Amino acid sequence: MIHLTAETHILIAIAPVDFRQGMDGLAALCRYTLAANPRSGSVFVFINRNKTMVRALSYDGSGFWLMTKRLSKGKFVHWPGSKQKIEPFIAKQLRQLLLNCDPMWQKHDLI
């Protein structure tokens, strides 16, 4: 089972991915393209080319989990951009991203 806690290691793949690859293809992409161990227990998050669907891949010690979210309408507009291949996130940022909110938004105290 997947539990997102403050300690969960989450890695966002910046570039869009062909989702026809499935679980094994995404695990290979983690290892060979992102240079990360897909069996590390980290949650790897990917987006499709149209930015309408997100997939998360994780290994729980006994097997892989593959979760998918497809928007009913619209696109994921706040997908991170970076020169890196992957971007670390915390659970709160991932929740905001999956709700199609800006994950980098932070409340600032007014002086």
PDB file of N, CA and C in Angstrom:
ATOM      1  N   MET A   1       0.842  -1.175   0.000  1.00  0.00           N
ATOM      2  CA  MET A   1       0.000   0.000   0.000  1.00  0.00           C
ATOM      3  C   MET A   1       0.889   1.241   0.000  1.00  0.00           C
ATOM      4  N   ILE A   2       0.414   2.295  -0.611  1.00  0.00           N
ATOM      5  CA  ILE A   2       1.160   3.542  -0.697  1.00  0.00           C
ATOM      6  C   ILE A   2       0.653   4.502   0.373  1.00  0.00           C
ATOM      7  N   HIS A   3       1.572   4.988   1.185  1.00  0.00           N
ATOM      8  CA  HIS A   3       1.250   6.002   2.184  1.00  0.00           C
ATOM      9  C   HIS A   3       2.139   7.205   1.919  1.00  0.00           C
ATOM     10  N   LEU A   4       1.524   8.345   1.691  1.00  0.00           N
ATOM     11  CA  LEU A   4       2.307   9.568   1.501  1.00  0.00           C
ATOM     12  C   LEU A   4       2.427  10.271   2.839  1.00  0.00           C
ATOM     13  N   THR A   5       3.640  10.282   3.363  1.00  0.00           N
ATOM     14  CA  THR A   5       3.912  10.960   4.623  1.00  0.00           C
ATOM     15  C   THR A   5       4.961  12.033   4.365  1.00  0.00           C
ATOM     16  N   ALA A   6       5.295  12.762   5.399  1.00  0.00           N
ATOM     17  CA  ALA A   6       6.327  13.795   5.267  1.00  0.00           C
ATOM     18  C   ALA A   6       7.680  13.176   4.912  1.00  0.00           C
ATOM     19  N   GLU A   7       7.868  11.901   5.240  1.00  0.00           N
ATOM     20  CA  GLU A   7       9.137  11.228   4.965  1.00  0.00           C
ATOM     21  C   GLU A   7       9.177  10.545   3.596  1.00  0.00           C
ATOM     22  N   THR A   8       8.059  10.492   2.894  1.00  0.00           N
ATOM     23  CA  THR A   8       8.016   9.818   1.594  1.00  0.00           C
ATOM     24  C   THR A   8       8.911  10.541   0.594  1.00  0.00           C
ATOM     25  N   HIS A   9       9.781   9.796  -0.063  1.00  0.00           N
ATOM     26  CA  HIS A   9      10.672  10.345  -1.078  1.00  0.00           C
ATOM     27  C   HIS A   9       9.926  10.331  -2.408  1.00  0.00           C
ATOM     28  N   ILE A  10       9.637  11.512  -2.953  1.00  0.00           N
ATOM     29  CA  ILE A  10       8.856  11.656  -4.179  1.00  0.00           C
ATOM     30  C   ILE A  10       9.729  12.313  -5.235  1.00  0.00           C
ATOM     31  N   LEU A  11       9.772  11.702  -6.412  1.00  0.00           N
ATOM     32  CA  LEU A  11      10.546  12.245  -7.523  1.00  0.00           C
ATOM     33  C   LEU A  11       9.621  12.467  -8.716  1.00  0.00           C
ATOM     34  N   ILE A  12       9.591  13.691  -9.212  1.00  0.00           N
ATOM     35  CA  ILE A  12       8.761  14.063 -10.353  1.00  0.00           C
ATOM     36  C   ILE A  12       9.631  14.022 -11.608  1.00  0.00           C
ATOM     37  N   ALA A  13       9.221  13.232 -12.599  1.00  0.00           N
ATOM     38  CA  ALA A  13       9.915  13.218 -13.890  1.00  0.00           C
ATOM     39  C   ALA A  13       9.437  14.433 -14.679  1.00  0.00           C
ATOM     40  N   ILE A  14      10.354  15.287 -15.072  1.00  0.00           N
ATOM     41  CA  ILE A  14       9.995  16.551 -15.719  1.00  0.00           C
ATOM     42  C   ILE A  14       9.448  16.341 -17.131  1.00  0.00           C
ATOM     43  N   ALA A  15      10.112  15.531 -17.928  1.00  0.00           N
ATOM     44  CA  ALA A  15       9.713  15.339 -19.331  1.00  0.00           C
ATOM     45  C   ALA A  15       8.493  14.423 -19.438  1.00  0.00           C
ATOM     46  N   PRO A  16       7.591  14.705 -20.379  1.00  0.00           N
ATOM     47  CA  PRO A  16       6.433  13.821 -20.599  1.00  0.00           C
ATOM     48  C   PRO A  16       6.877  12.419 -21.019  1.00  0.00           C
ATOM     49  N   VAL A  17       6.028  11.438 -20.707  1.00  0.00           N
ATOM     50  CA  VAL A  17       6.339  10.027 -20.932  1.00  0.00           C
ATOM     51  C   VAL A  17       5.212   9.384 -21.748  1.00  0.00           C
ATOM     52  N   ASP A  18       5.563   8.409 -22.573  1.00  0.00           N
ATOM     53  CA  ASP A  18       4.582   7.617 -23.311  1.00  0.00           C
ATOM     54  C   ASP A  18       4.016   6.565 -22.351  1.00  0.00           C
ATOM     55  N   PHE A  19       2.735   6.690 -22.003  1.00  0.00           N
ATOM     56  CA  PHE A  19       2.141   5.796 -21.011  1.00  0.00           C
ATOM     57  C   PHE A  19       1.825   4.405 -21.552  1.00  0.00           C
ATOM     58  N   ARG A  20       2.054   4.157 -22.813  1.00  0.00           N
ATOM     59  CA  ARG A  20       1.863   2.801 -23.336  1.00  0.00           C
ATOM     60  C   ARG A  20       2.917   1.855 -22.775  1.00  0.00           C
ATOM     61  N   GLN A  21       3.960   2.397 -22.158  1.00  0.00           N
ATOM     62  CA  GLN A  21       5.043   1.573 -21.607  1.00  0.00           C
ATOM     63  C   GLN A  21       4.575   0.675 -20.471  1.00  0.00           C
ATOM     64  N   GLY A  22       3.663   1.124 -19.662  1.00  0.00           N
ATOM     65  CA  GLY A  22       3.199   0.343 -18.528  1.00  0.00           C
ATOM     66  C   GLY A  22       4.203   0.325 -17.387  1.00  0.00           C
ATOM     67  N   MET A  23       3.953  -0.561 -16.448  1.00  0.00           N
ATOM     68  CA  MET A  23       4.727  -0.639 -15.219  1.00  0.00           C
ATOM     69  C   MET A  23       6.204  -0.949 -15.464  1.00  0.00           C
ATOM     70  N   ASP A  24       6.475  -1.968 -16.271  1.00  0.00           N
ATOM     71  CA  ASP A  24       7.865  -2.363 -16.521  1.00  0.00           C
ATOM     72  C   ASP A  24       8.621  -1.294 -17.298  1.00  0.00           C
ATOM     73  N   GLY A  25       7.955  -0.661 -18.249  1.00  0.00           N
ATOM     74  CA  GLY A  25       8.588   0.407 -19.022  1.00  0.00           C
ATOM     75  C   GLY A  25       8.922   1.607 -18.162  1.00  0.00           C
ATOM     76  N   LEU A  26       8.024   1.961 -17.238  1.00  0.00           N
ATOM     77  CA  LEU A  26       8.291   3.090 -16.344  1.00  0.00           C
ATOM     78  C   LEU A  26       9.417   2.751 -15.363  1.00  0.00           C
ATOM     79  N   ALA A  27       9.463   1.502 -14.899  1.00  0.00           N
ATOM     80  CA  ALA A  27      10.558   1.085 -14.009  1.00  0.00           C
ATOM     81  C   ALA A  27      11.895   1.162 -14.749  1.00  0.00           C
ATOM     82  N   ALA A  28      11.918   0.748 -16.008  1.00  0.00           N
ATOM     83  CA  ALA A  28      13.147   0.840 -16.812  1.00  0.00           C
ATOM     84  C   ALA A  28      13.525   2.295 -17.040  1.00  0.00           C
ATOM     85  N   LEU A  29      12.544   3.144 -17.260  1.00  0.00           N
ATOM     86  CA  LEU A  29      12.810   4.574 -17.435  1.00  0.00           C
ATOM     87  C   LEU A  29      13.441   5.159 -16.166  1.00  0.00           C
ATOM     88  N   CYS A  30      12.941   4.741 -14.996  1.00  0.00           N
ATOM     89  CA  CYS A  30      13.529   5.198 -13.725  1.00  0.00           C
ATOM     90  C   CYS A  30      15.008   4.827 -13.668  1.00  0.00           C
ATOM     91  N   ARG A  31      15.299   3.579 -13.973  1.00  0.00           N
ATOM     92  CA  ARG A  31      16.667   3.074 -13.839  1.00  0.00           C
ATOM     93  C   ARG A  31      17.615   3.667 -14.876  1.00  0.00           C
ATOM     94  N   TYR A  32      17.226   3.660 -16.135  1.00  0.00           N
ATOM     95  CA  TYR A  32      18.167   3.999 -17.202  1.00  0.00           C
ATOM     96  C   TYR A  32      18.138   5.456 -17.638  1.00  0.00           C
ATOM     97  N   THR A  33      16.999   6.105 -17.564  1.00  0.00           N
ATOM     98  CA  THR A  33      16.923   7.503 -17.989  1.00  0.00           C
ATOM     99  C   THR A  33      17.080   8.459 -16.812  1.00  0.00           C
ATOM    100  N   LEU A  34      16.420   8.133 -15.696  1.00  0.00           N
ATOM    101  CA  LEU A  34      16.471   9.015 -14.527  1.00  0.00           C
ATOM    102  C   LEU A  34      17.607   8.649 -13.574  1.00  0.00           C
ATOM    103  N   ALA A  35      18.293   7.535 -13.828  1.00  0.00           N
ATOM    104  CA  ALA A  35      19.401   7.058 -12.991  1.00  0.00           C
ATOM    105  C   ALA A  35      18.980   6.901 -11.534  1.00  0.00           C
ATOM    106  N   ALA A  36      17.793   6.318 -11.323  1.00  0.00           N
ATOM    107  CA  ALA A  36      17.266   6.096  -9.981  1.00  0.00           C
ATOM    108  C   ALA A  36      16.806   4.641  -9.869  1.00  0.00           C
ATOM    109  N   ASN A  37      16.892   4.089  -8.676  1.00  0.00           N
ATOM    110  CA  ASN A  37      16.483   2.707  -8.444  1.00  0.00           C
ATOM    111  C   ASN A  37      14.966   2.647  -8.272  1.00  0.00           C
ATOM    112  N   PRO A  38      14.237   1.999  -9.186  1.00  0.00           N
ATOM    113  CA  PRO A  38      12.779   1.947  -9.065  1.00  0.00           C
ATOM    114  C   PRO A  38      12.305   1.122  -7.872  1.00  0.00           C
ATOM    115  N   ARG A  39      13.190   0.310  -7.278  1.00  0.00           N
ATOM    116  CA  ARG A  39      12.828  -0.497  -6.108  1.00  0.00           C
ATOM    117  C   ARG A  39      13.264   0.150  -4.797  1.00  0.00           C
ATOM    118  N   SER A  40      13.558   1.427  -4.840  1.00  0.00           N
ATOM    119  CA  SER A  40      14.043   2.137  -3.652  1.00  0.00           C
ATOM    120  C   SER A  40      12.941   2.463  -2.653  1.00  0.00           C
ATOM    121  N   GLY A  41      11.682   2.352  -3.063  1.00  0.00           N
ATOM    122  CA  GLY A  41      10.576   2.759  -2.204  1.00  0.00           C
ATOM    123  C   GLY A  41      10.123   4.176  -2.480  1.00  0.00           C
ATOM    124  N   SER A  42      10.859   4.887  -3.324  1.00  0.00           N
ATOM    125  CA  SER A  42      10.453   6.242  -3.723  1.00  0.00           C
ATOM    126  C   SER A  42       9.203   6.166  -4.588  1.00  0.00           C
ATOM    127  N   VAL A  43       8.464   7.257  -4.620  1.00  0.00           N
ATOM    128  CA  VAL A  43       7.318   7.379  -5.514  1.00  0.00           C
ATOM    129  C   VAL A  43       7.779   8.201  -6.710  1.00  0.00           C
ATOM    130  N   PHE A  44       7.708   7.609  -7.891  1.00  0.00           N
ATOM    131  CA  PHE A  44       8.091   8.276  -9.134  1.00  0.00           C
ATOM    132  C   PHE A  44       6.817   8.732  -9.834  1.00  0.00           C
ATOM    133  N   VAL A  45       6.763  10.002 -10.204  1.00  0.00           N
ATOM    134  CA  VAL A  45       5.544  10.565 -10.794  1.00  0.00           C
ATOM    135  C   VAL A  45       5.847  11.040 -12.208  1.00  0.00           C
ATOM    136  N   PHE A  46       4.971  10.663 -13.139  1.00  0.00           N
ATOM    137  CA  PHE A  46       5.150  10.954 -14.558  1.00  0.00           C
ATOM    138  C   PHE A  46       3.901  11.628 -15.120  1.00  0.00           C
ATOM    139  N   ILE A  47       4.064  12.367 -16.215  1.00  0.00           N
ATOM    140  CA  ILE A  47       2.939  12.992 -16.907  1.00  0.00           C
ATOM    141  C   ILE A  47       2.971  12.565 -18.367  1.00  0.00           C
ATOM    142  N   ASN A  48       1.779  12.510 -18.989  1.00  0.00           N
ATOM    143  CA  ASN A  48       1.745  12.167 -20.413  1.00  0.00           C
ATOM    144  C   ASN A  48       1.971  13.421 -21.253  1.00  0.00           C
ATOM    145  N   ARG A  49       2.140  13.235 -22.536  1.00  0.00           N
ATOM    146  CA  ARG A  49       2.463  14.340 -23.445  1.00  0.00           C
ATOM    147  C   ARG A  49       1.364  15.406 -23.487  1.00  0.00           C
ATOM    148  N   ASN A  50       0.098  14.986 -23.395  1.00  0.00           N
ATOM    149  CA  ASN A  50      -1.023  15.935 -23.441  1.00  0.00           C
ATOM    150  C   ASN A  50      -1.252  16.657 -22.117  1.00  0.00           C
ATOM    151  N   LYS A  51      -0.542  16.232 -21.079  1.00  0.00           N
ATOM    152  CA  LYS A  51      -0.672  16.790 -19.723  1.00  0.00           C
ATOM    153  C   LYS A  51      -2.089  16.634 -19.166  1.00  0.00           C
ATOM    154  N   THR A  52      -2.734  15.527 -19.520  1.00  0.00           N
ATOM    155  CA  THR A  52      -4.072  15.234 -19.019  1.00  0.00           C
ATOM    156  C   THR A  52      -4.068  14.069 -18.035  1.00  0.00           C
ATOM    157  N   MET A  53      -2.934  13.380 -17.925  1.00  0.00           N
ATOM    158  CA  MET A  53      -2.863  12.190 -17.100  1.00  0.00           C
ATOM    159  C   MET A  53      -1.525  12.130 -16.359  1.00  0.00           C
ATOM    160  N   VAL A  54      -1.583  11.669 -15.112  1.00  0.00           N
ATOM    161  CA  VAL A  54      -0.398  11.504 -14.272  1.00  0.00           C
ATOM    162  C   VAL A  54      -0.367  10.062 -13.790  1.00  0.00           C
ATOM    163  N   ARG A  55       0.830   9.486 -13.746  1.00  0.00           N
ATOM    164  CA  ARG A  55       1.009   8.147 -13.189  1.00  0.00           C
ATOM    165  C   ARG A  55       2.086   8.188 -12.118  1.00  0.00           C
ATOM    166  N   ALA A  56       1.871   7.392 -11.076  1.00  0.00           N
ATOM    167  CA  ALA A  56       2.846   7.268  -9.995  1.00  0.00           C
ATOM    168  C   ALA A  56       3.233   5.801  -9.864  1.00  0.00           C
ATOM    169  N   LEU A  57       4.523   5.551  -9.780  1.00  0.00           N
ATOM    170  CA  LEU A  57       5.066   4.202  -9.663  1.00  0.00           C
ATOM    171  C   LEU A  57       5.837   4.106  -8.359  1.00  0.00           C
ATOM    172  N   SER A  58       5.597   3.028  -7.611  1.00  0.00           N
ATOM    173  CA  SER A  58       6.330   2.823  -6.368  1.00  0.00           C
ATOM    174  C   SER A  58       6.465   1.324  -6.099  1.00  0.00           C
ATOM    175  N   TYR A  59       7.505   0.972  -5.390  1.00  0.00           N
ATOM    176  CA  TYR A  59       7.759  -0.419  -5.005  1.00  0.00           C
ATOM    177  C   TYR A  59       7.619  -0.512  -3.495  1.00  0.00           C
ATOM    178  N   ASP A  60       6.802  -1.469  -3.006  1.00  0.00           N
ATOM    179  CA  ASP A  60       6.547  -1.563  -1.566  1.00  0.00           C
ATOM    180  C   ASP A  60       7.282  -2.707  -0.880  1.00  0.00           C
ATOM    181  N   GLY A  61       8.224  -3.333  -1.567  1.00  0.00           N
ATOM    182  CA  GLY A  61       8.968  -4.445  -0.975  1.00  0.00           C
ATOM    183  C   GLY A  61       8.500  -5.793  -1.486  1.00  0.00           C
ATOM    184  N   SER A  62       7.245  -5.872  -1.938  1.00  0.00           N
ATOM    185  CA  SER A  62       6.745  -7.141  -2.476  1.00  0.00           C
ATOM    186  C   SER A  62       6.278  -7.021  -3.922  1.00  0.00           C
ATOM    187  N   GLY A  63       6.218  -5.799  -4.429  1.00  0.00           N
ATOM    188  CA  GLY A  63       5.794  -5.594  -5.813  1.00  0.00           C
ATOM    189  C   GLY A  63       5.621  -4.118  -6.118  1.00  0.00           C
ATOM    190  N   PHE A  64       5.374  -3.842  -7.385  1.00  0.00           N
ATOM    191  CA  PHE A  64       5.183  -2.464  -7.835  1.00  0.00           C
ATOM    192  C   PHE A  64       3.719  -2.056  -7.744  1.00  0.00           C
ATOM    193  N   TRP A  65       3.507  -0.790  -7.454  1.00  0.00           N
ATOM    194  CA  TRP A  65       2.200  -0.137  -7.513  1.00  0.00           C
ATOM    195  C   TRP A  65       2.246   0.854  -8.658  1.00  0.00           C
ATOM    196  N   LEU A  66       1.180   0.904  -9.444  1.00  0.00           N
ATOM    197  CA  LEU A  66       1.055   1.892 -10.508  1.00  0.00           C
ATOM    198  C   LEU A  66      -0.306   2.551 -10.358  1.00  0.00           C
ATOM    199  N   MET A  67      -0.287   3.849 -10.103  1.00  0.00           N
ATOM    200  CA  MET A  67      -1.522   4.609  -9.918  1.00  0.00           C
ATOM    201  C   MET A  67      -1.661   5.627 -11.037  1.00  0.00           C
ATOM    202  N   THR A  68      -2.889   5.868 -11.476  1.00  0.00           N
ATOM    203  CA  THR A  68      -3.147   6.792 -12.574  1.00  0.00           C
ATOM    204  C   THR A  68      -4.235   7.774 -12.178  1.00  0.00           C
ATOM    205  N   LYS A  69      -4.035   9.033 -12.551  1.00  0.00           N
ATOM    206  CA  LYS A  69      -5.098  10.036 -12.436  1.00  0.00           C
ATOM    207  C   LYS A  69      -5.243  10.700 -13.793  1.00  0.00           C
ATOM    208  N   ARG A  70      -6.471  10.675 -14.324  1.00  0.00           N
ATOM    209  CA  ARG A  70      -6.776  11.351 -15.579  1.00  0.00           C
ATOM    210  C   ARG A  70      -7.796  12.433 -15.275  1.00  0.00           C
ATOM    211  N   LEU A  71      -7.499  13.655 -15.688  1.00  0.00           N
ATOM    212  CA  LEU A  71      -8.420  14.758 -15.459  1.00  0.00           C
ATOM    213  C   LEU A  71      -9.672  14.594 -16.316  1.00  0.00           C
ATOM    214  N   SER A  72     -10.829  14.948 -15.750  1.00  0.00           N
ATOM    215  CA  SER A  72     -12.084  14.902 -16.504  1.00  0.00           C
ATOM    216  C   SER A  72     -12.109  15.967 -17.583  1.00  0.00           C
ATOM    217  N   LYS A  73     -11.518  17.119 -17.263  1.00  0.00           N
ATOM    218  CA  LYS A  73     -11.404  18.188 -18.258  1.00  0.00           C
ATOM    219  C   LYS A  73     -10.188  19.028 -17.912  1.00  0.00           C
ATOM    220  N   GLY A  74      -9.629  19.660 -18.917  1.00  0.00           N
ATOM    221  CA  GLY A  74      -8.466  20.510 -18.707  1.00  0.00           C
ATOM    222  C   GLY A  74      -7.168  19.720 -18.686  1.00  0.00           C
ATOM    223  N   LYS A  75      -6.110  20.421 -18.301  1.00  0.00           N
ATOM    224  CA  LYS A  75      -4.763  19.854 -18.266  1.00  0.00           C
ATOM    225  C   LYS A  75      -4.094  20.193 -16.944  1.00  0.00           C
ATOM    226  N   PHE A  76      -3.070  19.445 -16.610  1.00  0.00           N
ATOM    227  CA  PHE A  76      -2.238  19.785 -15.460  1.00  0.00           C
ATOM    228  C   PHE A  76      -1.385  20.980 -15.876  1.00  0.00           C
ATOM    229  N   VAL A  77      -1.675  22.140 -15.320  1.00  0.00           N
ATOM    230  CA  VAL A  77      -1.019  23.372 -15.775  1.00  0.00           C
ATOM    231  C   VAL A  77       0.190  23.759 -14.928  1.00  0.00           C
ATOM    232  N   HIS A  78       0.386  23.119 -13.805  1.00  0.00           N
ATOM    233  CA  HIS A  78       1.476  23.504 -12.905  1.00  0.00           C
ATOM    234  C   HIS A  78       2.582  22.458 -12.852  1.00  0.00           C
ATOM    235  N   TRP A  79       2.737  21.672 -13.919  1.00  0.00           N
ATOM    236  CA  TRP A  79       3.805  20.670 -13.927  1.00  0.00           C
ATOM    237  C   TRP A  79       5.144  21.394 -13.850  1.00  0.00           C
ATOM    238  N   PRO A  80       6.042  20.953 -12.982  1.00  0.00           N
ATOM    239  CA  PRO A  80       7.315  21.673 -12.824  1.00  0.00           C
ATOM    240  C   PRO A  80       8.169  21.648 -14.089  1.00  0.00           C
ATOM    241  N   GLY A  81       8.888  22.708 -14.286  1.00  0.00           N
ATOM    242  CA  GLY A  81       9.859  22.787 -15.374  1.00  0.00           C
ATOM    243  C   GLY A  81      11.242  22.908 -14.757  1.00  0.00           C
ATOM    244  N   SER A  82      12.195  22.224 -15.312  1.00  0.00           N
ATOM    245  CA  SER A  82      13.536  22.230 -14.744  1.00  0.00           C
ATOM    246  C   SER A  82      14.518  21.748 -15.798  1.00  0.00           C
ATOM    247  N   LYS A  83      15.774  22.109 -15.628  1.00  0.00           N
ATOM    248  CA  LYS A  83      16.818  21.577 -16.504  1.00  0.00           C
ATOM    249  C   LYS A  83      17.211  20.170 -16.067  1.00  0.00           C
ATOM    250  N   GLN A  84      16.806  19.789 -14.868  1.00  0.00           N
ATOM    251  CA  GLN A  84      17.074  18.448 -14.357  1.00  0.00           C
ATOM    252  C   GLN A  84      16.058  17.470 -14.951  1.00  0.00           C
ATOM    253  N   LYS A  85      16.369  16.178 -14.892  1.00  0.00           N
ATOM    254  CA  LYS A  85      15.433  15.160 -15.371  1.00  0.00           C
ATOM    255  C   LYS A  85      14.358  14.854 -14.344  1.00  0.00           C
ATOM    256  N   ILE A  86      14.735  14.983 -13.059  1.00  0.00           N
ATOM    257  CA  ILE A  86      13.779  14.726 -11.984  1.00  0.00           C
ATOM    258  C   ILE A  86      13.847  15.855 -10.966  1.00  0.00           C
ATOM    259  N   GLU A  87      12.749  16.045 -10.271  1.00  0.00           N
ATOM    260  CA  GLU A  87      12.645  17.097  -9.266  1.00  0.00           C
ATOM    261  C   GLU A  87      12.079  16.475  -7.993  1.00  0.00           C
ATOM    262  N   PRO A  88      12.753  16.627  -6.849  1.00  0.00           N
ATOM    263  CA  PRO A  88      12.199  16.086  -5.606  1.00  0.00           C
ATOM    264  C   PRO A  88      11.018  16.927  -5.135  1.00  0.00           C
ATOM    265  N   PHE A  89      10.006  16.260  -4.628  1.00  0.00           N
ATOM    266  CA  PHE A  89       8.818  16.912  -4.088  1.00  0.00           C
ATOM    267  C   PHE A  89       8.564  16.360  -2.697  1.00  0.00           C
ATOM    268  N   ILE A  90       7.771  17.088  -1.929  1.00  0.00           N
ATOM    269  CA  ILE A  90       7.266  16.571  -0.661  1.00  0.00           C
ATOM    270  C   ILE A  90       5.799  16.195  -0.881  1.00  0.00           C
ATOM    271  N   ALA A  91       5.234  15.442   0.055  1.00  0.00           N
ATOM    272  CA  ALA A  91       3.868  14.932  -0.102  1.00  0.00           C
ATOM    273  C   ALA A  91       2.856  16.056  -0.318  1.00  0.00           C
ATOM    274  N   LYS A  92       3.006  17.162   0.389  1.00  0.00           N
ATOM    275  CA  LYS A  92       2.067  18.281   0.249  1.00  0.00           C
ATOM    276  C   LYS A  92       2.102  18.838  -1.174  1.00  0.00           C
ATOM    277  N   GLN A  93       3.290  18.956  -1.754  1.00  0.00           N
ATOM    278  CA  GLN A  93       3.404  19.458  -3.124  1.00  0.00           C
ATOM    279  C   GLN A  93       2.745  18.492  -4.109  1.00  0.00           C
ATOM    280  N   LEU A  94       2.923  17.189  -3.893  1.00  0.00           N
ATOM    281  CA  LEU A  94       2.309  16.210  -4.786  1.00  0.00           C
ATOM    282  C   LEU A  94       0.789  16.283  -4.691  1.00  0.00           C
ATOM    283  N   ARG A  95       0.258  16.400  -3.487  1.00  0.00           N
ATOM    284  CA  ARG A  95      -1.197  16.525  -3.337  1.00  0.00           C
ATOM    285  C   ARG A  95      -1.716  17.736  -4.100  1.00  0.00           C
ATOM    286  N   GLN A  96      -1.026  18.865  -3.975  1.00  0.00           N
ATOM    287  CA  GLN A  96      -1.441  20.074  -4.682  1.00  0.00           C
ATOM    288  C   GLN A  96      -1.344  19.884  -6.190  1.00  0.00           C
ATOM    289  N   LEU A  97      -0.287  19.246  -6.645  1.00  0.00           N
ATOM    290  CA  LEU A  97      -0.113  18.995  -8.071  1.00  0.00           C
ATOM    291  C   LEU A  97      -1.247  18.121  -8.604  1.00  0.00           C
ATOM    292  N   LEU A  98      -1.621  17.071  -7.870  1.00  0.00           N
ATOM    293  CA  LEU A  98      -2.685  16.168  -8.302  1.00  0.00           C
ATOM    294  C   LEU A  98      -4.058  16.826  -8.264  1.00  0.00           C
ATOM    295  N   LEU A  99      -4.212  17.855  -7.444  1.00  0.00           N
ATOM    296  CA  LEU A  99      -5.462  18.629  -7.423  1.00  0.00           C
ATOM    297  C   LEU A  99      -5.441  19.738  -8.464  1.00  0.00           C
ATOM    298  N   ASN A 100      -4.376  19.784  -9.258  1.00  0.00           N
ATOM    299  CA  ASN A 100      -4.158  20.783 -10.309  1.00  0.00           C
ATOM    300  C   ASN A 100      -3.988  22.185  -9.736  1.00  0.00           C
ATOM    301  N   CYS A 101      -3.410  22.238  -8.536  1.00  0.00           N
ATOM    302  CA  CYS A 101      -3.055  23.514  -7.905  1.00  0.00           C
ATOM    303  C   CYS A 101      -1.544  23.702  -8.050  1.00  0.00           C
ATOM    304  N   ASP A 102      -1.086  24.916  -7.860  1.00  0.00           N
ATOM    305  CA  ASP A 102       0.339  25.211  -7.975  1.00  0.00           C
ATOM    306  C   ASP A 102       1.079  24.616  -6.772  1.00  0.00           C
ATOM    307  N   PRO A 103       1.935  23.604  -6.970  1.00  0.00           N
ATOM    308  CA  PRO A 103       2.623  22.972  -5.842  1.00  0.00           C
ATOM    309  C   PRO A 103       3.694  23.847  -5.214  1.00  0.00           C
ATOM    310  N   MET A 104       4.114  24.890  -5.896  1.00  0.00           N
ATOM    311  CA  MET A 104       5.157  25.752  -5.355  1.00  0.00           C
ATOM    312  C   MET A 104       4.575  26.923  -4.564  1.00  0.00           C
ATOM    313  N   TRP A 105       3.242  27.025  -4.519  1.00  0.00           N
ATOM    314  CA  TRP A 105       2.604  28.100  -3.782  1.00  0.00           C
ATOM    315  C   TRP A 105       2.860  27.918  -2.297  1.00  0.00           C
ATOM    316  N   GLN A 106       3.233  29.006  -1.654  1.00  0.00           N
ATOM    317  CA  GLN A 106       3.443  28.976  -0.211  1.00  0.00           C
ATOM    318  C   GLN A 106       2.793  30.203   0.393  1.00  0.00           C
ATOM    319  N   LYS A 107       2.171  30.007   1.522  1.00  0.00           N
ATOM    320  CA  LYS A 107       1.555  31.124   2.219  1.00  0.00           C
ATOM    321  C   LYS A 107       2.656  31.933   2.889  1.00  0.00           C
ATOM    322  N   HIS A 108       2.635  33.241   2.684  1.00  0.00           N
ATOM    323  CA  HIS A 108       3.620  34.124   3.297  1.00  0.00           C
ATOM    324  C   HIS A 108       2.929  35.002   4.331  1.00  0.00           C
ATOM    325  N   ASP A 109       3.582  35.168   5.469  1.00  0.00           N
ATOM    326  CA  ASP A 109       3.045  36.050   6.498  1.00  0.00           C
ATOM    327  C   ASP A 109       3.217  37.497   6.067  1.00  0.00           C
ATOM    328  N   LEU A 110       2.189  38.280   6.286  1.00  0.00           N
ATOM    329  CA  LEU A 110       2.271  39.703   5.974  1.00  0.00           C
ATOM    330  C   LEU A 110       2.916  40.432   7.137  1.00  0.00           C
ATOM    331  N   ILE A 111       3.753  41.390   6.824  1.00  0.00           N
ATOM    332  CA  ILE A 111       4.445  42.150   7.875  1.00  0.00           C
ATOM    333  C   ILE A 111       3.661  43.395   8.181  1.00  0.00           C
TER     334      ILE A 111
END
